[in-house]
Amino acid sequence: MHLLAPKRVGKREERGERVNARAAFALLCNPEGFDTILAAEEYLGALGSVQMECWECEVCGYIYDPEVGDVDNGVAPGTPFGKLPDDWVCPLCGATKEVFKQL
């Protein structure tokens, strides 16, 4: 899936070229302080070379999959569990990260 780039991006995007939707979302959420879609794409590319594990909430059984993220709560696809915000909670039951176990 690709999106047309938002306004505050680099030269490639200013030309209206299509960009990776994951990178565009990462730029919009901006957890790492990206200033262009290219920077977000490079970051996500580096993440792609790292195997990311799923984590399960021991309270309700929700599975956090880093490939999917938690878009409804502002967590971009490709965000490893260890990079989730400290105040992130299970979207189903509200449990804290401490009750999740790695699968």
C-alpha atoms as a PDB file:
ATOM      1  CA  MET A   1       0.000   0.000   0.000  1.00  0.00           C
ATOM      2  CA  HIS A   2       1.302   3.461  -0.834  1.00  0.00           C
ATOM      3  CA  LEU A   3       0.171   6.970  -0.033  1.00  0.00           C
ATOM      4  CA  LEU A   4       0.911  10.318  -1.586  1.00  0.00           C
ATOM      5  CA  ALA A   5       3.332  12.105   0.673  1.00  0.00           C
ATOM      6  CA  PRO A   6       2.213  14.719   3.192  1.00  0.00           C
ATOM      7  CA  LYS A   7       3.469  18.329   2.836  1.00  0.00           C
ATOM      8  CA  ARG A   8       6.435  18.355   5.272  1.00  0.00           C
ATOM      9  CA  VAL A   9       8.654  15.852   3.538  1.00  0.00           C
ATOM     10  CA  GLY A  10      11.785  15.751   1.387  1.00  0.00           C
ATOM     11  CA  LYS A  11      12.421  16.483  -2.294  1.00  0.00           C
ATOM     12  CA  ARG A  12      11.328  13.092  -3.598  1.00  0.00           C
ATOM     13  CA  GLU A  13       7.991  13.415  -1.873  1.00  0.00           C
ATOM     14  CA  GLU A  14       7.540  17.040  -2.968  1.00  0.00           C
ATOM     15  CA  ARG A  15       7.529  15.761  -6.537  1.00  0.00           C
ATOM     16  CA  GLY A  16       4.421  13.735  -5.649  1.00  0.00           C
ATOM     17  CA  GLU A  17       6.155  10.363  -5.819  1.00  0.00           C
ATOM     18  CA  ARG A  18       4.403   7.552  -4.046  1.00  0.00           C
ATOM     19  CA  VAL A  19       5.862   6.471  -0.729  1.00  0.00           C
ATOM     20  CA  ASN A  20       5.595   3.489   1.591  1.00  0.00           C
ATOM     21  CA  ALA A  21       2.472   3.718   3.804  1.00  0.00           C
ATOM     22  CA  ARG A  22       4.322   2.333   6.840  1.00  0.00           C
ATOM     23  CA  ALA A  23       6.934   5.045   6.485  1.00  0.00           C
ATOM     24  CA  ALA A  24       4.279   7.736   6.038  1.00  0.00           C
ATOM     25  CA  PHE A  25       2.506   6.540   9.186  1.00  0.00           C
ATOM     26  CA  ALA A  26       5.812   6.443  11.077  1.00  0.00           C
ATOM     27  CA  LEU A  27       6.489  10.024  10.000  1.00  0.00           C
ATOM     28  CA  LEU A  28       3.046  11.154  11.126  1.00  0.00           C
ATOM     29  CA  CYS A  29       3.345   9.418  14.525  1.00  0.00           C
ATOM     30  CA  ASN A  30       6.999  10.483  14.618  1.00  0.00           C
ATOM     31  CA  PRO A  31       8.129   8.406  17.627  1.00  0.00           C
ATOM     32  CA  GLU A  32      11.769   8.677  16.569  1.00  0.00           C
ATOM     33  CA  GLY A  33      11.736  12.326  15.455  1.00  0.00           C
ATOM     34  CA  PHE A  34      11.783  11.711  11.684  1.00  0.00           C
ATOM     35  CA  ASP A  35      11.933  14.813   9.517  1.00  0.00           C
ATOM     36  CA  THR A  36      11.280  13.143   6.144  1.00  0.00           C
ATOM     37  CA  ILE A  37       9.609  10.049   4.770  1.00  0.00           C
ATOM     38  CA  LEU A  38      13.035   8.901   3.569  1.00  0.00           C
ATOM     39  CA  ALA A  39      14.322   8.919   7.166  1.00  0.00           C
ATOM     40  CA  ALA A  40      11.282   6.907   8.272  1.00  0.00           C
ATOM     41  CA  GLU A  41      11.784   4.423   5.415  1.00  0.00           C
ATOM     42  CA  GLU A  42      15.454   3.979   6.365  1.00  0.00           C
ATOM     43  CA  TYR A  43      14.500   3.373  10.005  1.00  0.00           C
ATOM     44  CA  LEU A  44      11.831   0.853   9.050  1.00  0.00           C
ATOM     45  CA  GLY A  45      14.262  -0.842   6.662  1.00  0.00           C
ATOM     46  CA  ALA A  46      16.717  -1.298   9.524  1.00  0.00           C
ATOM     47  CA  LEU A  47      13.936  -2.740  11.665  1.00  0.00           C
ATOM     48  CA  GLY A  48      13.108  -5.163   8.871  1.00  0.00           C
ATOM     49  CA  SER A  49      16.510  -6.789   9.272  1.00  0.00           C
ATOM     50  CA  VAL A  50      15.774  -7.520  12.932  1.00  0.00           C
ATOM     51  CA  GLN A  51      13.480 -10.378  13.845  1.00  0.00           C
ATOM     52  CA  MET A  52      10.640  -8.957  15.902  1.00  0.00           C
ATOM     53  CA  GLU A  53       8.850 -11.211  18.332  1.00  0.00           C
ATOM     54  CA  CYS A  54       5.178 -11.163  19.239  1.00  0.00           C
ATOM     55  CA  TRP A  55       4.096 -10.618  22.839  1.00  0.00           C
ATOM     56  CA  GLU A  56       0.960 -11.919  24.588  1.00  0.00           C
ATOM     57  CA  CYS A  57      -1.052 -10.222  27.322  1.00  0.00           C
ATOM     58  CA  GLU A  58      -1.315 -12.719  30.172  1.00  0.00           C
ATOM     59  CA  VAL A  59      -4.564 -11.096  31.333  1.00  0.00           C
ATOM     60  CA  CYS A  60      -6.702 -11.310  28.175  1.00  0.00           C
ATOM     61  CA  GLY A  61      -4.604 -13.134  25.549  1.00  0.00           C
ATOM     62  CA  TYR A  62      -4.171 -10.147  23.200  1.00  0.00           C
ATOM     63  CA  ILE A  63      -1.167 -10.642  20.910  1.00  0.00           C
ATOM     64  CA  TYR A  64       0.965  -7.590  20.134  1.00  0.00           C
ATOM     65  CA  ASP A  65       2.454  -8.149  16.680  1.00  0.00           C
ATOM     66  CA  PRO A  66       5.196  -5.625  15.838  1.00  0.00           C
ATOM     67  CA  GLU A  67       4.537  -6.058  12.112  1.00  0.00           C
ATOM     68  CA  VAL A  68       0.989  -4.748  12.681  1.00  0.00           C
ATOM     69  CA  GLY A  69       1.655  -2.305  15.531  1.00  0.00           C
ATOM     70  CA  ASP A  70      -1.304  -0.725  17.333  1.00  0.00           C
ATOM     71  CA  VAL A  71      -2.479   1.854  14.826  1.00  0.00           C
ATOM     72  CA  ASP A  72      -5.617   2.737  16.819  1.00  0.00           C
ATOM     73  CA  ASN A  73      -3.363   3.859  19.676  1.00  0.00           C
ATOM     74  CA  GLY A  74      -0.690   5.617  17.602  1.00  0.00           C
ATOM     75  CA  VAL A  75       1.845   2.780  17.385  1.00  0.00           C
ATOM     76  CA  ALA A  76       3.205   2.437  13.847  1.00  0.00           C
ATOM     77  CA  PRO A  77       3.561  -0.932  12.147  1.00  0.00           C
ATOM     78  CA  GLY A  78       7.127  -2.153  12.586  1.00  0.00           C
ATOM     79  CA  THR A  79       7.431  -0.944  16.197  1.00  0.00           C
ATOM     80  CA  PRO A  80       9.123  -3.584  18.360  1.00  0.00           C
ATOM     81  CA  PHE A  81       7.616  -4.261  21.785  1.00  0.00           C
ATOM     82  CA  GLY A  82      10.644  -2.726  23.499  1.00  0.00           C
ATOM     83  CA  LYS A  83      10.047   0.582  21.661  1.00  0.00           C
ATOM     84  CA  LEU A  84       6.427   0.940  22.797  1.00  0.00           C
ATOM     85  CA  PRO A  85       5.802   4.060  24.910  1.00  0.00           C
ATOM     86  CA  ASP A  86       6.104   3.517  28.667  1.00  0.00           C
ATOM     87  CA  ASP A  87       2.432   4.368  29.115  1.00  0.00           C
ATOM     88  CA  TRP A  88       1.193   1.973  26.394  1.00  0.00           C
ATOM     89  CA  VAL A  89      -1.420  -0.498  27.627  1.00  0.00           C
ATOM     90  CA  CYS A  90      -3.166  -3.528  26.165  1.00  0.00           C
ATOM     91  CA  PRO A  91      -5.833  -2.227  23.783  1.00  0.00           C
ATOM     92  CA  LEU A  92      -8.289  -4.916  24.920  1.00  0.00           C
ATOM     93  CA  CYS A  93      -8.036  -4.965  28.707  1.00  0.00           C
ATOM     94  CA  GLY A  94      -5.830  -2.005  29.676  1.00  0.00           C
ATOM     95  CA  ALA A  95      -3.082  -4.124  31.259  1.00  0.00           C
ATOM     96  CA  THR A  96       0.405  -2.610  31.399  1.00  0.00           C
ATOM     97  CA  LYS A  97       3.377  -3.862  29.363  1.00  0.00           C
ATOM     98  CA  GLU A  98       4.715  -5.687  32.430  1.00  0.00           C
ATOM     99  CA  VAL A  99       2.053  -8.423  32.125  1.00  0.00           C
ATOM    100  CA  PHE A 100       3.010  -9.297  28.530  1.00  0.00           C
ATOM    101  CA  LYS A 101       5.166 -12.348  27.823  1.00  0.00           C
ATOM    102  CA  GLN A 102       7.279 -12.908  24.759  1.00  0.00           C
ATOM    103  CA  LEU A 103       6.103 -15.696  22.448  1.00  0.00           C
END
